[in-house]
PDB file of N, CA and C in Angstrom:
ATOM      1  N   MET A   1      83.514 163.535 125.296  1.00  0.00           N
ATOM      2  CA  MET A   1      83.616 162.769 124.062  1.00  0.00           C
ATOM      3  C   MET A   1      82.357 161.935 123.840  1.00  0.00           C
ATOM      4  N   LEU A   2      81.879 161.264 124.879  1.00  0.00           N
ATOM      5  CA  LEU A   2      80.674 160.447 124.756  1.00  0.00           C
ATOM      6  C   LEU A   2      79.460 161.313 124.470  1.00  0.00           C
ATOM      7  N   THR A   3      79.385 162.461 125.121  1.00  0.00           N
ATOM      8  CA  THR A   3      78.243 163.343 124.887  1.00  0.00           C
ATOM      9  C   THR A   3      78.235 163.856 123.445  1.00  0.00           C
ATOM     10  N   GLN A   4      79.411 164.109 122.881  1.00  0.00           N
ATOM     11  CA  GLN A   4      79.483 164.551 121.490  1.00  0.00           C
ATOM     12  C   GLN A   4      79.032 163.427 120.555  1.00  0.00           C
ATOM     13  N   ALA A   5      79.438 162.202 120.841  1.00  0.00           N
ATOM     14  CA  ALA A   5      79.032 161.062 120.013  1.00  0.00           C
ATOM     15  C   ALA A   5      77.518 160.870 120.064  1.00  0.00           C
ATOM     16  N   ILE A   6      76.935 160.990 121.248  1.00  0.00           N
ATOM     17  CA  ILE A   6      75.485 160.861 121.377  1.00  0.00           C
ATOM     18  C   ILE A   6      74.791 161.998 120.634  1.00  0.00           C
ATOM     19  N   HIS A   7      75.328 163.199 120.747  1.00  0.00           N
ATOM     20  CA  HIS A   7      74.747 164.340 120.039  1.00  0.00           C
ATOM     21  C   HIS A   7      74.791 164.116 118.520  1.00  0.00           C
ATOM     22  N   GLN A   8      75.910 163.633 118.002  1.00  0.00           N
ATOM     23  CA  GLN A   8      76.021 163.383 116.567  1.00  0.00           C
ATOM     24  C   GLN A   8      75.090 162.251 116.128  1.00  0.00           C
ATOM     25  N   ASP A   9      74.996 161.209 116.933  1.00  0.00           N
ATOM     26  CA  ASP A   9      74.055 160.117 116.627  1.00  0.00           C
ATOM     27  C   ASP A   9      72.630 160.658 116.555  1.00  0.00           C
ATOM     28  N   ASN A  10      72.270 161.474 117.525  1.00  0.00           N
ATOM     29  CA  ASN A  10      70.922 162.049 117.530  1.00  0.00           C
ATOM     30  C   ASN A  10      70.691 162.960 116.325  1.00  0.00           C
ATOM     31  N   ALA A  11      71.719 163.652 115.884  1.00  0.00           N
ATOM     32  CA  ALA A  11      71.586 164.504 114.700  1.00  0.00           C
ATOM     33  C   ALA A  11      71.307 163.657 113.463  1.00  0.00           C
ATOM     34  N   VAL A  12      71.992 162.534 113.322  1.00  0.00           N
ATOM     35  CA  VAL A  12      71.758 161.631 112.187  1.00  0.00           C
ATOM     36  C   VAL A  12      70.364 161.020 112.283  1.00  0.00           C
ATOM     37  N   LEU A  13      69.981 160.584 113.477  1.00  0.00           N
ATOM     38  CA  LEU A  13      68.650 160.010 113.669  1.00  0.00           C
ATOM     39  C   LEU A  13      67.568 161.043 113.382  1.00  0.00           C
ATOM     40  N   SER A  14      67.801 162.275 113.771  1.00  0.00           N
ATOM     41  CA  SER A  14      66.829 163.348 113.500  1.00  0.00           C
ATOM     42  C   SER A  14      66.694 163.610 112.005  1.00  0.00           C
ATOM     43  N   ALA A  15      67.806 163.554 111.284  1.00  0.00           N
ATOM     44  CA  ALA A  15      67.753 163.724 109.826  1.00  0.00           C
ATOM     45  C   ALA A  15      66.945 162.598 109.191  1.00  0.00           C
ATOM     46  N   ALA A  16      67.150 161.383 109.670  1.00  0.00           N
ATOM     47  CA  ALA A  16      66.381 160.247 109.166  1.00  0.00           C
ATOM     48  C   ALA A  16      64.903 160.398 109.516  1.00  0.00           C
ATOM     49  N   LEU A  17      64.625 160.913 110.692  1.00  0.00           N
ATOM     50  CA  LEU A  17      63.245 161.136 111.112  1.00  0.00           C
ATOM     51  C   LEU A  17      62.568 162.196 110.237  1.00  0.00           C
ATOM     52  N   ARG A  18      63.309 163.238 109.874  1.00  0.00           N
ATOM     53  CA  ARG A  18      62.754 164.240 108.953  1.00  0.00           C
ATOM     54  C   ARG A  18      62.407 163.602 107.609  1.00  0.00           C
ATOM     55  N   GLY A  19      63.238 162.677 107.168  1.00  0.00           N
ATOM     56  CA  GLY A  19      62.957 161.970 105.920  1.00  0.00           C
ATOM     57  C   GLY A  19      61.707 161.115 106.017  1.00  0.00           C
ATOM     58  N   THR A  20      61.534 160.423 107.143  1.00  0.00           N
ATOM     59  CA  THR A  20      60.329 159.594 107.298  1.00  0.00           C
ATOM     60  C   THR A  20      59.083 160.469 107.410  1.00  0.00           C
ATOM     61  N   HIS A  21      59.216 161.642 108.007  1.00  0.00           N
ATOM     62  CA  HIS A  21      58.063 162.554 108.086  1.00  0.00           C
ATOM     63  C   HIS A  21      57.689 163.082 106.704  1.00  0.00           C
ATOM     64  N   ALA A  22      58.698 163.414 105.903  1.00  0.00           N
ATOM     65  CA  ALA A  22      58.422 163.865 104.528  1.00  0.00           C
ATOM     66  C   ALA A  22      57.774 162.741 103.729  1.00  0.00           C
ATOM     67  N   ARG A  23      58.249 161.521 103.926  1.00  0.00           N
ATOM     68  CA  ARG A  23      57.654 160.375 103.227  1.00  0.00           C
ATOM     69  C   ARG A  23      56.218 160.164 103.685  1.00  0.00           C
ATOM     70  N   HIS A  24      55.974 160.301 104.979  1.00  0.00           N
ATOM     71  CA  HIS A  24      54.616 160.153 105.508  1.00  0.00           C
ATOM     72  C   HIS A  24      53.676 161.163 104.849  1.00  0.00           C
ATOM     73  N   ASP A  25      54.125 162.409 104.741  1.00  0.00           N
ATOM     74  CA  ASP A  25      53.308 163.445 104.100  1.00  0.00           C
ATOM     75  C   ASP A  25      53.001 163.090 102.650  1.00  0.00           C
ATOM     76  N   ALA A  26      54.008 162.591 101.919  1.00  0.00           N
ATOM     77  CA  ALA A  26      53.805 162.229 100.511  1.00  0.00           C
ATOM     78  C   ALA A  26      52.827 161.057 100.382  1.00  0.00           C
ATOM     79  N   ILE A  27      52.969 160.061 101.243  1.00  0.00           N
ATOM     80  CA  ILE A  27      52.062 158.910 101.197  1.00  0.00           C
ATOM     81  C   ILE A  27      50.633 159.346 101.502  1.00  0.00           C
ATOM     82  N   MET A  28      50.477 160.168 102.523  1.00  0.00           N
ATOM     83  CA  MET A  28      49.131 160.639 102.873  1.00  0.00           C
ATOM     84  C   MET A  28      48.543 161.482 101.744  1.00  0.00           C
ATOM     85  N   ASN A  29      49.359 162.268 101.066  1.00  0.00           N
ATOM     86  CA  ASN A  29      48.899 163.041  99.920  1.00  0.00           C
ATOM     87  C   ASN A  29      48.460 162.110  98.788  1.00  0.00           C
ATOM     88  N   ASN A  30      49.228 161.041  98.563  1.00  0.00           N
ATOM     89  CA  ASN A  30      48.853 160.068  97.534  1.00  0.00           C
ATOM     90  C   ASN A  30      47.509 159.427  97.860  1.00  0.00           C
ATOM     91  N   ILE A  31      47.319 159.043  99.117  1.00  0.00           N
ATOM     92  CA  ILE A  31      46.062 158.412  99.532  1.00  0.00           C
ATOM     93  C   ILE A  31      44.903 159.392  99.382  1.00  0.00           C
ATOM     94  N   ALA A  32      45.116 160.628  99.795  1.00  0.00           N
ATOM     95  CA  ALA A  32      44.043 161.626  99.727  1.00  0.00           C
ATOM     96  C   ALA A  32      43.638 161.940  98.287  1.00  0.00           C
ATOM     97  N   ASN A  33      44.566 161.814  97.353  1.00  0.00           N
ATOM     98  CA  ASN A  33      44.293 162.165  95.959  1.00  0.00           C
ATOM     99  C   ASN A  33      44.147 160.960  95.044  1.00  0.00           C
ATOM    100  N   ALA A  34      43.972 159.793  95.616  1.00  0.00           N
ATOM    101  CA  ALA A  34      43.914 158.562  94.824  1.00  0.00           C
ATOM    102  C   ALA A  34      42.806 158.586  93.777  1.00  0.00           C
ATOM    103  N   ASP A  35      41.710 159.240  94.055  1.00  0.00           N
ATOM    104  CA  ASP A  35      40.579 159.256  93.126  1.00  0.00           C
ATOM    105  C   ASP A  35      40.561 160.478  92.210  1.00  0.00           C
ATOM    106  N   VAL A  36      41.619 161.254  92.223  1.00  0.00           N
ATOM    107  CA  VAL A  36      41.703 162.420  91.342  1.00  0.00           C
ATOM    108  C   VAL A  36      42.209 161.938  89.978  1.00  0.00           C
ATOM    109  N   PRO A  37      41.428 162.131  88.927  1.00  0.00           N
ATOM    110  CA  PRO A  37      41.858 161.674  87.591  1.00  0.00           C
ATOM    111  C   PRO A  37      43.195 162.287  87.192  1.00  0.00           C
ATOM    112  N   GLY A  38      44.095 161.450  86.716  1.00  0.00           N
ATOM    113  CA  GLY A  38      45.396 161.902  86.243  1.00  0.00           C
ATOM    114  C   GLY A  38      46.417 162.196  87.331  1.00  0.00           C
ATOM    115  N   PHE A  39      46.065 161.945  88.581  1.00  0.00           N
ATOM    116  CA  PHE A  39      47.008 162.228  89.676  1.00  0.00           C
ATOM    117  C   PHE A  39      48.207 161.290  89.577  1.00  0.00           C
ATOM    118  N   THR A  40      49.400 161.840  89.747  1.00  0.00           N
ATOM    119  CA  THR A  40      50.630 161.054  89.734  1.00  0.00           C
ATOM    120  C   THR A  40      51.165 160.963  91.152  1.00  0.00           C
ATOM    121  N   ALA A  41      51.332 159.747  91.624  1.00  0.00           N
ATOM    122  CA  ALA A  41      51.822 159.517  92.983  1.00  0.00           C
ATOM    123  C   ALA A  41      53.224 160.081  93.157  1.00  0.00           C
ATOM    124  N   ARG A  42      53.532 160.467  94.374  1.00  0.00           N
ATOM    125  CA  ARG A  42      54.841 161.020  94.707  1.00  0.00           C
ATOM    126  C   ARG A  42      55.571 160.073  95.656  1.00  0.00           C
ATOM    127  N   ARG A  43      56.865 160.074  95.553  1.00  0.00           N
ATOM    128  CA  ARG A  43      57.729 159.277  96.415  1.00  0.00           C
ATOM    129  C   ARG A  43      58.790 160.189  97.004  1.00  0.00           C
ATOM    130  N   VAL A  44      59.213 159.881  98.212  1.00  0.00           N
ATOM    131  CA  VAL A  44      60.274 160.645  98.866  1.00  0.00           C
ATOM    132  C   VAL A  44      61.501 159.756  98.979  1.00  0.00           C
ATOM    133  N   GLU A  45      62.623 160.296  98.574  1.00  0.00           N
ATOM    134  CA  GLU A  45      63.900 159.596  98.641  1.00  0.00           C
ATOM    135  C   GLU A  45      64.830 160.373  99.557  1.00  0.00           C
ATOM    136  N   PHE A  46      65.396 159.695 100.543  1.00  0.00           N
ATOM    137  CA  PHE A  46      66.371 160.368 101.396  1.00  0.00           C
ATOM    138  C   PHE A  46      67.474 159.426 101.861  1.00  0.00           C
ATOM    139  N   GLU A  47      67.261 158.123 101.747  1.00  0.00           N
ATOM    140  CA  GLU A  47      68.233 157.164 102.285  1.00  0.00           C
ATOM    141  C   GLU A  47      69.602 157.265 101.624  1.00  0.00           C
ATOM    142  N   SER A  48      69.638 157.424 100.305  1.00  0.00           N
ATOM    143  CA  SER A  48      70.936 157.463  99.623  1.00  0.00           C
ATOM    144  C   SER A  48      71.719 158.721 100.012  1.00  0.00           C
ATOM    145  N   ALA A  49      71.041 159.862 100.109  1.00  0.00           N
ATOM    146  CA  ALA A  49      71.727 161.095 100.514  1.00  0.00           C
ATOM    147  C   ALA A  49      72.237 160.985 101.948  1.00  0.00           C
ATOM    148  N   LEU A  50      71.421 160.411 102.834  1.00  0.00           N
ATOM    149  CA  LEU A  50      71.846 160.242 104.223  1.00  0.00           C
ATOM    150  C   LEU A  50      73.002 159.253 104.321  1.00  0.00           C
ATOM    151  N   SER A  51      72.957 158.207 103.530  1.00  0.00           N
ATOM    152  CA  SER A  51      74.035 157.217 103.519  1.00  0.00           C
ATOM    153  C   SER A  51      75.361 157.843 103.079  1.00  0.00           C
ATOM    154  N   GLU A  52      75.305 158.714 102.066  1.00  0.00           N
ATOM    155  CA  GLU A  52      76.518 159.409 101.613  1.00  0.00           C
ATOM    156  C   GLU A  52      77.086 160.301 102.713  1.00  0.00           C
ATOM    157  N   VAL A  53      76.206 160.994 103.421  1.00  0.00           N
ATOM    158  CA  VAL A  53      76.650 161.860 104.516  1.00  0.00           C
ATOM    159  C   VAL A  53      77.313 161.023 105.616  1.00  0.00           C
ATOM    160  N   ILE A  54      76.708 159.890 105.943  1.00  0.00           N
ATOM    161  CA  ILE A  54      77.274 159.019 106.985  1.00  0.00           C
ATOM    162  C   ILE A  54      78.618 158.456 106.543  1.00  0.00           C
ATOM    163  N   ASP A  55      78.729 158.024 105.282  1.00  0.00           N
ATOM    164  CA  ASP A  55      80.012 157.520 104.768  1.00  0.00           C
ATOM    165  C   ASP A  55      81.085 158.598 104.845  1.00  0.00           C
ATOM    166  N   ASN A  56      80.723 159.838 104.484  1.00  0.00           N
ATOM    167  CA  ASN A  56      81.669 160.950 104.563  1.00  0.00           C
ATOM    168  C   ASN A  56      82.058 161.228 106.011  1.00  0.00           C
ATOM    169  N   TRP A  57      81.091 161.133 106.915  1.00  0.00           N
ATOM    170  CA  TRP A  57      81.349 161.353 108.341  1.00  0.00           C
ATOM    171  C   TRP A  57      82.353 160.329 108.855  1.00  0.00           C
ATOM    172  N   ARG A  58      82.160 159.071 108.470  1.00  0.00           N
ATOM    173  CA  ARG A  58      83.083 158.017 108.910  1.00  0.00           C
ATOM    174  C   ARG A  58      84.485 158.231 108.343  1.00  0.00           C
ATOM    175  N   ALA A  59      84.562 158.699 107.101  1.00  0.00           N
ATOM    176  CA  ALA A  59      85.862 158.878 106.453  1.00  0.00           C
ATOM    177  C   ALA A  59      86.602 160.117 106.947  1.00  0.00           C
ATOM    178  N   THR A  60      85.855 161.212 107.188  1.00  0.00           N
ATOM    179  CA  THR A  60      86.519 162.481 107.513  1.00  0.00           C
ATOM    180  C   THR A  60      86.314 162.932 108.953  1.00  0.00           C
ATOM    181  N   GLY A  61      85.307 162.404 109.615  1.00  0.00           N
ATOM    182  CA  GLY A  61      84.980 162.869 110.960  1.00  0.00           C
ATOM    183  C   GLY A  61      84.139 164.126 110.963  1.00  0.00           C
ATOM    184  N   ASN A  62      83.788 164.613 109.768  1.00  0.00           N
ATOM    185  CA  ASN A  62      82.990 165.826 109.633  1.00  0.00           C
ATOM    186  C   ASN A  62      81.543 165.448 109.308  1.00  0.00           C
ATOM    187  N   LEU A  63      80.620 165.815 110.187  1.00  0.00           N
ATOM    188  CA  LEU A  63      79.208 165.511 109.985  1.00  0.00           C
ATOM    189  C   LEU A  63      78.505 166.730 109.403  1.00  0.00           C
ATOM    190  N   ASP A  64      78.162 166.657 108.107  1.00  0.00           N
ATOM    191  CA  ASP A  64      77.485 167.755 107.417  1.00  0.00           C
ATOM    192  C   ASP A  64      76.128 167.249 106.923  1.00  0.00           C
ATOM    193  N   LEU A  65      75.104 167.471 107.724  1.00  0.00           N
ATOM    194  CA  LEU A  65      73.771 166.966 107.402  1.00  0.00           C
ATOM    195  C   LEU A  65      73.005 167.875 106.448  1.00  0.00           C
ATOM    196  N   SER A  66      73.597 168.965 106.006  1.00  0.00           N
ATOM    197  CA  SER A  66      72.893 169.869 105.097  1.00  0.00           C
ATOM    198  C   SER A  66      72.606 169.208 103.746  1.00  0.00           C
ATOM    199  N   ARG A  67      73.365 168.173 103.399  1.00  0.00           N
ATOM    200  CA  ARG A  67      73.147 167.483 102.116  1.00  0.00           C
ATOM    201  C   ARG A  67      72.203 166.293 102.252  1.00  0.00           C
ATOM    202  N   ALA A  68      71.697 166.043 103.439  1.00  0.00           N
ATOM    203  CA  ALA A  68      70.849 164.873 103.677  1.00  0.00           C
ATOM    204  C   ALA A  68      69.374 165.259 103.732  1.00  0.00           C
ATOM    205  N   ARG A  69      68.939 165.990 102.729  1.00  0.00           N
ATOM    206  CA  ARG A  69      67.543 166.443 102.703  1.00  0.00           C
ATOM    207  C   ARG A  69      66.702 165.507 101.850  1.00  0.00           C
ATOM    208  N   PRO A  70      65.470 165.277 102.286  1.00  0.00           N
ATOM    209  CA  PRO A  70      64.575 164.440 101.479  1.00  0.00           C
ATOM    210  C   PRO A  70      64.237 165.115 100.159  1.00  0.00           C
ATOM    211  N   SER A  71      64.115 164.316  99.107  1.00  0.00           N
ATOM    212  CA  SER A  71      63.722 164.866  97.809  1.00  0.00           C
ATOM    213  C   SER A  71      62.431 164.199  97.358  1.00  0.00           C
ATOM    214  N   LEU A  72      61.547 164.999  96.802  1.00  0.00           N
ATOM    215  CA  LEU A  72      60.243 164.530  96.341  1.00  0.00           C
ATOM    216  C   LEU A  72      60.332 164.214  94.853  1.00  0.00           C
ATOM    217  N   ARG A  73      59.884 163.021  94.487  1.00  0.00           N
ATOM    218  CA  ARG A  73      59.905 162.598  93.088  1.00  0.00           C
ATOM    219  C   ARG A  73      58.530 162.082  92.707  1.00  0.00           C
ATOM    220  N   TYR A  74      58.204 162.275  91.438  1.00  0.00           N
ATOM    221  CA  TYR A  74      56.960 161.723  90.927  1.00  0.00           C
ATOM    222  C   TYR A  74      57.201 160.288  90.501  1.00  0.00           C
ATOM    223  N   GLN A  75      56.234 159.439  90.808  1.00  0.00           N
ATOM    224  CA  GLN A  75      56.330 158.043  90.398  1.00  0.00           C
ATOM    225  C   GLN A  75      56.259 157.992  88.878  1.00  0.00           C
ATOM    226  N   GLU A  76      56.955 157.064  88.295  1.00  0.00           N
ATOM    227  CA  GLU A  76      57.013 156.952  86.839  1.00  0.00           C
ATOM    228  C   GLU A  76      55.627 156.915  86.211  1.00  0.00           C
ATOM    229  N   ALA A  77      55.464 157.634  85.113  1.00  0.00           N
ATOM    230  CA  ALA A  77      54.173 157.733  84.432  1.00  0.00           C
ATOM    231  C   ALA A  77      53.732 156.405  83.824  1.00  0.00           C
ATOM    232  N   PHE A  78      54.676 155.509  83.516  1.00  0.00           N
ATOM    233  CA  PHE A  78      54.277 154.243  82.900  1.00  0.00           C
ATOM    234  C   PHE A  78      53.557 153.314  83.876  1.00  0.00           C
ATOM    235  N   ASN A  79      53.462 153.707  85.130  1.00  0.00           N
ATOM    236  CA  ASN A  79      52.779 152.886  86.127  1.00  0.00           C
ATOM    237  C   ASN A  79      51.277 153.125  86.177  1.00  0.00           C
ATOM    238  N   PHE A  80      50.726 153.838  85.196  1.00  0.00           N
ATOM    239  CA  PHE A  80      49.286 154.043  85.180  1.00  0.00           C
ATOM    240  C   PHE A  80      48.613 152.695  84.977  1.00  0.00           C
ATOM    241  N   PHE A  81      47.693 152.375  85.858  1.00  0.00           N
ATOM    242  CA  PHE A  81      46.988 151.106  85.708  1.00  0.00           C
ATOM    243  C   PHE A  81      45.487 151.277  85.842  1.00  0.00           C
ATOM    244  N   ARG A  82      45.035 152.486  86.016  1.00  0.00           N
ATOM    245  CA  ARG A  82      43.611 152.750  86.166  1.00  0.00           C
ATOM    246  C   ARG A  82      43.090 153.500  84.955  1.00  0.00           C
ATOM    247  N   MET A  83      41.818 153.366  84.725  1.00  0.00           N
ATOM    248  CA  MET A  83      41.194 154.019  83.578  1.00  0.00           C
ATOM    249  C   MET A  83      41.263 155.545  83.683  1.00  0.00           C
ATOM    250  N   ASP A  84      41.271 156.084  84.902  1.00  0.00           N
ATOM    251  CA  ASP A  84      41.312 157.540  85.066  1.00  0.00           C
ATOM    252  C   ASP A  84      42.740 158.094  85.027  1.00  0.00           C
ATOM    253  N   ARG A  85      43.705 157.256  84.690  1.00  0.00           N
ATOM    254  CA  ARG A  85      45.122 157.606  84.538  1.00  0.00           C
ATOM    255  C   ARG A  85      45.778 158.048  85.842  1.00  0.00           C
ATOM    256  N   SER A  86      45.177 157.709  86.969  1.00  0.00           N
ATOM    257  CA  SER A  86      45.832 157.912  88.264  1.00  0.00           C
ATOM    258  C   SER A  86      46.692 156.675  88.515  1.00  0.00           C
ATOM    259  N   ASN A  87      47.877 156.863  89.028  1.00  0.00           N
ATOM    260  CA  ASN A  87      48.741 155.704  89.270  1.00  0.00           C
ATOM    261  C   ASN A  87      48.885 155.366  90.754  1.00  0.00           C
ATOM    262  N   VAL A  88      47.935 155.778  91.560  1.00  0.00           N
ATOM    263  CA  VAL A  88      47.965 155.478  92.990  1.00  0.00           C
ATOM    264  C   VAL A  88      47.404 154.082  93.214  1.00  0.00           C
ATOM    265  N   ASP A  89      48.219 153.221  93.812  1.00  0.00           N
ATOM    266  CA  ASP A  89      47.804 151.871  94.186  1.00  0.00           C
ATOM    267  C   ASP A  89      47.582 151.893  95.698  1.00  0.00           C
ATOM    268  N   MET A  90      46.339 151.839  96.121  1.00  0.00           N
ATOM    269  CA  MET A  90      46.020 151.986  97.549  1.00  0.00           C
ATOM    270  C   MET A  90      46.683 150.913  98.404  1.00  0.00           C
ATOM    271  N   GLU A  91      46.764 149.694  97.931  1.00  0.00           N
ATOM    272  CA  GLU A  91      47.424 148.643  98.722  1.00  0.00           C
ATOM    273  C   GLU A  91      48.897 148.959  98.912  1.00  0.00           C
ATOM    274  N   ARG A  92      49.534 149.410  97.856  1.00  0.00           N
ATOM    275  CA  ARG A  92      50.948 149.773  97.945  1.00  0.00           C
ATOM    276  C   ARG A  92      51.143 150.938  98.911  1.00  0.00           C
ATOM    277  N   GLU A  93      50.256 151.917  98.834  1.00  0.00           N
ATOM    278  CA  GLU A  93      50.355 153.080  99.719  1.00  0.00           C
ATOM    279  C   GLU A  93      50.158 152.686 101.183  1.00  0.00           C
ATOM    280  N   MET A  94      49.214 151.802 101.448  1.00  0.00           N
ATOM    281  CA  MET A  94      48.957 151.386 102.834  1.00  0.00           C
ATOM    282  C   MET A  94      50.143 150.599 103.400  1.00  0.00           C
ATOM    283  N   VAL A  95      50.748 149.746 102.572  1.00  0.00           N
ATOM    284  CA  VAL A  95      51.939 149.015 103.018  1.00  0.00           C
ATOM    285  C   VAL A  95      53.093 149.990 103.264  1.00  0.00           C
ATOM    286  N   ALA A  96      53.274 150.934 102.344  1.00  0.00           N
ATOM    287  CA  ALA A  96      54.339 151.939 102.507  1.00  0.00           C
ATOM    288  C   ALA A  96      54.120 152.768 103.770  1.00  0.00           C
ATOM    289  N   LEU A  97      52.862 153.101 104.058  1.00  0.00           N
ATOM    290  CA  LEU A  97      52.538 153.868 105.260  1.00  0.00           C
ATOM    291  C   LEU A  97      52.885 153.078 106.519  1.00  0.00           C
ATOM    292  N   TYR A  98      52.561 151.788 106.525  1.00  0.00           N
ATOM    293  CA  TYR A  98      52.876 150.941 107.684  1.00  0.00           C
ATOM    294  C   TYR A  98      54.391 150.840 107.884  1.00  0.00           C
ATOM    295  N   ILE A  99      55.113 150.539 106.813  1.00  0.00           N
ATOM    296  CA  ILE A  99      56.568 150.402 106.913  1.00  0.00           C
ATOM    297  C   ILE A  99      57.198 151.714 107.386  1.00  0.00           C
ATOM    298  N   ASN A 100      56.735 152.813 106.835  1.00  0.00           N
ATOM    299  CA  ASN A 100      57.274 154.110 107.222  1.00  0.00           C
ATOM    300  C   ASN A 100      56.970 154.419 108.687  1.00  0.00           C
ATOM    301  N   SER A 101      55.789 154.037 109.151  1.00  0.00           N
ATOM    302  CA  SER A 101      55.429 154.260 110.566  1.00  0.00           C
ATOM    303  C   SER A 101      56.333 153.460 111.495  1.00  0.00           C
ATOM    304  N   VAL A 102      56.642 152.224 111.118  1.00  0.00           N
ATOM    305  CA  VAL A 102      57.542 151.400 111.936  1.00  0.00           C
ATOM    306  C   VAL A 102      58.934 152.024 111.964  1.00  0.00           C
ATOM    307  N   ARG A 103      59.417 152.480 110.808  1.00  0.00           N
ATOM    308  CA  ARG A 103      60.733 153.132 110.767  1.00  0.00           C
ATOM    309  C   ARG A 103      60.755 154.365 111.652  1.00  0.00           C
ATOM    310  N   SER A 104      59.701 155.140 111.590  1.00  0.00           N
ATOM    311  CA  SER A 104      59.615 156.343 112.410  1.00  0.00           C
ATOM    312  C   SER A 104      59.638 155.985 113.896  1.00  0.00           C
ATOM    313  N   ASP A 105      58.895 154.960 114.282  1.00  0.00           N
ATOM    314  CA  ASP A 105      58.883 154.515 115.683  1.00  0.00           C
ATOM    315  C   ASP A 105      60.274 154.085 116.137  1.00  0.00           C
ATOM    316  N   VAL A 106      60.984 153.347 115.300  1.00  0.00           N
ATOM    317  CA  VAL A 106      62.336 152.893 115.645  1.00  0.00           C
ATOM    318  C   VAL A 106      63.263 154.090 115.835  1.00  0.00           C
ATOM    319  N   LEU A 107      63.167 155.070 114.942  1.00  0.00           N
ATOM    320  CA  LEU A 107      64.023 156.254 115.063  1.00  0.00           C
ATOM    321  C   LEU A 107      63.724 157.040 116.334  1.00  0.00           C
ATOM    322  N   VAL A 108      62.453 157.233 116.640  1.00  0.00           N
ATOM    323  CA  VAL A 108      62.073 157.963 117.856  1.00  0.00           C
ATOM    324  C   VAL A 108      62.577 157.218 119.090  1.00  0.00           C
ATOM    325  N   ASN A 109      62.398 155.900 119.105  1.00  0.00           N
ATOM    326  CA  ASN A 109      62.863 155.115 120.255  1.00  0.00           C
ATOM    327  C   ASN A 109      64.386 155.155 120.386  1.00  0.00           C
ATOM    328  N   SER A 110      65.090 155.214 119.266  1.00  0.00           N
ATOM    329  CA  SER A 110      66.554 155.323 119.318  1.00  0.00           C
ATOM    330  C   SER A 110      66.986 156.666 119.898  1.00  0.00           C
ATOM    331  N   ILE A 111      66.307 157.723 119.500  1.00  0.00           N
ATOM    332  CA  ILE A 111      66.611 159.047 120.055  1.00  0.00           C
ATOM    333  C   ILE A 111      66.319 159.078 121.549  1.00  0.00           C
ATOM    334  N   LEU A 112      65.196 158.491 121.964  1.00  0.00           N
ATOM    335  CA  LEU A 112      64.865 158.427 123.392  1.00  0.00           C
ATOM    336  C   LEU A 112      65.908 157.622 124.163  1.00  0.00           C
ATOM    337  N   HIS A 113      66.359 156.519 123.600  1.00  0.00           N
ATOM    338  CA  HIS A 113      67.387 155.695 124.239  1.00  0.00           C
ATOM    339  C   HIS A 113      68.680 156.505 124.418  1.00  0.00           C
ATOM    340  N   ASN A 114      69.080 157.215 123.360  1.00  0.00           N
ATOM    341  CA  ASN A 114      70.283 158.041 123.459  1.00  0.00           C
ATOM    342  C   ASN A 114      70.125 159.141 124.511  1.00  0.00           C
ATOM    343  N   SER A 115      68.938 159.709 124.592  1.00  0.00           N
ATOM    344  CA  SER A 115      68.690 160.754 125.595  1.00  0.00           C
ATOM    345  C   SER A 115      68.779 160.192 127.008  1.00  0.00           C
ATOM    346  N   ARG A 116      68.269 158.993 127.197  1.00  0.00           N
ATOM    347  CA  ARG A 116      68.382 158.353 128.526  1.00  0.00           C
ATOM    348  C   ARG A 116      69.842 158.074 128.874  1.00  0.00           C
ATOM    349  N   MET A 117      70.608 157.610 127.882  1.00  0.00           N
ATOM    350  CA  MET A 117      72.034 157.355 128.125  1.00  0.00           C
ATOM    351  C   MET A 117      72.752 158.647 128.486  1.00  0.00           C
ATOM    352  N   LEU A 118      72.453 159.722 127.759  1.00  0.00           N
ATOM    353  CA  LEU A 118      73.079 161.000 128.038  1.00  0.00           C
ATOM    354  C   LEU A 118      72.704 161.482 129.429  1.00  0.00           C
ATOM    355  N   ASN A 119      71.458 161.313 129.806  1.00  0.00           N
ATOM    356  CA  ASN A 119      70.998 161.689 131.145  1.00  0.00           C
ATOM    357  C   ASN A 119      71.753 160.919 132.218  1.00  0.00           C
ATOM    358  N   GLN A 120      71.976 159.633 132.008  1.00  0.00           N
ATOM    359  CA  GLN A 120      72.727 158.838 132.976  1.00  0.00           C
ATOM    360  C   GLN A 120      74.172 159.285 133.079  1.00  0.00           C
ATOM    361  N   VAL A 121      74.769 159.629 131.943  1.00  0.00           N
ATOM    362  CA  VAL A 121      76.151 160.111 131.950  1.00  0.00           C
ATOM    363  C   VAL A 121      76.247 161.419 132.723  1.00  0.00           C
ATOM    364  N   LEU A 122      75.297 162.317 132.481  1.00  0.00           N
ATOM    365  CA  LEU A 122      75.327 163.608 133.144  1.00  0.00           C
ATOM    366  C   LEU A 122      75.061 163.500 134.648  1.00  0.00           C
ATOM    367  N   GLN A 123      74.286 162.494 135.047  1.00  0.00           N
ATOM    368  CA  GLN A 123      74.013 162.276 136.468  1.00  0.00           C
ATOM    369  C   GLN A 123      75.110 161.456 137.142  1.00  0.00           C
ATOM    370  N   GLY A 124      76.055 160.940 136.349  1.00  0.00           N
ATOM    371  CA  GLY A 124      77.173 160.197 136.920  1.00  0.00           C
ATOM    372  C   GLY A 124      76.859 158.783 137.321  1.00  0.00           C
ATOM    373  N   ARG A 125      75.922 158.159 136.675  1.00  0.00           N
ATOM    374  CA  ARG A 125      75.568 156.758 137.009  1.00  0.00           C
ATOM    375  C   ARG A 125      76.329 155.777 136.187  1.00  0.00           C
TER     376      ARG A 125
END
């Protein structure tokens, strides 16, 4: 029972990690294309879909992570603030990159912690 709970926790953490990786890719793409005239920044959304999956898991006991996929969205066009009509704000992107990196680190450390716990259970400690 404990091993199944750890496995399910790791599955949820892995889904969240996939979302942070997709967000990292989008942020890096925004930074790389910041000077391209007319470039529209992209954002990745996955928290709401993952939250719905977790709520359903708690209510039904069924963990279906197939609906917890990151989605790529274009940042609103009205956010153009540069003469070249690119809406990439480098300061915003750098802050988003830092926050996303911290989230990714927390998720990886949580998965490692769960793996250590599982290892201890399997060794009988």
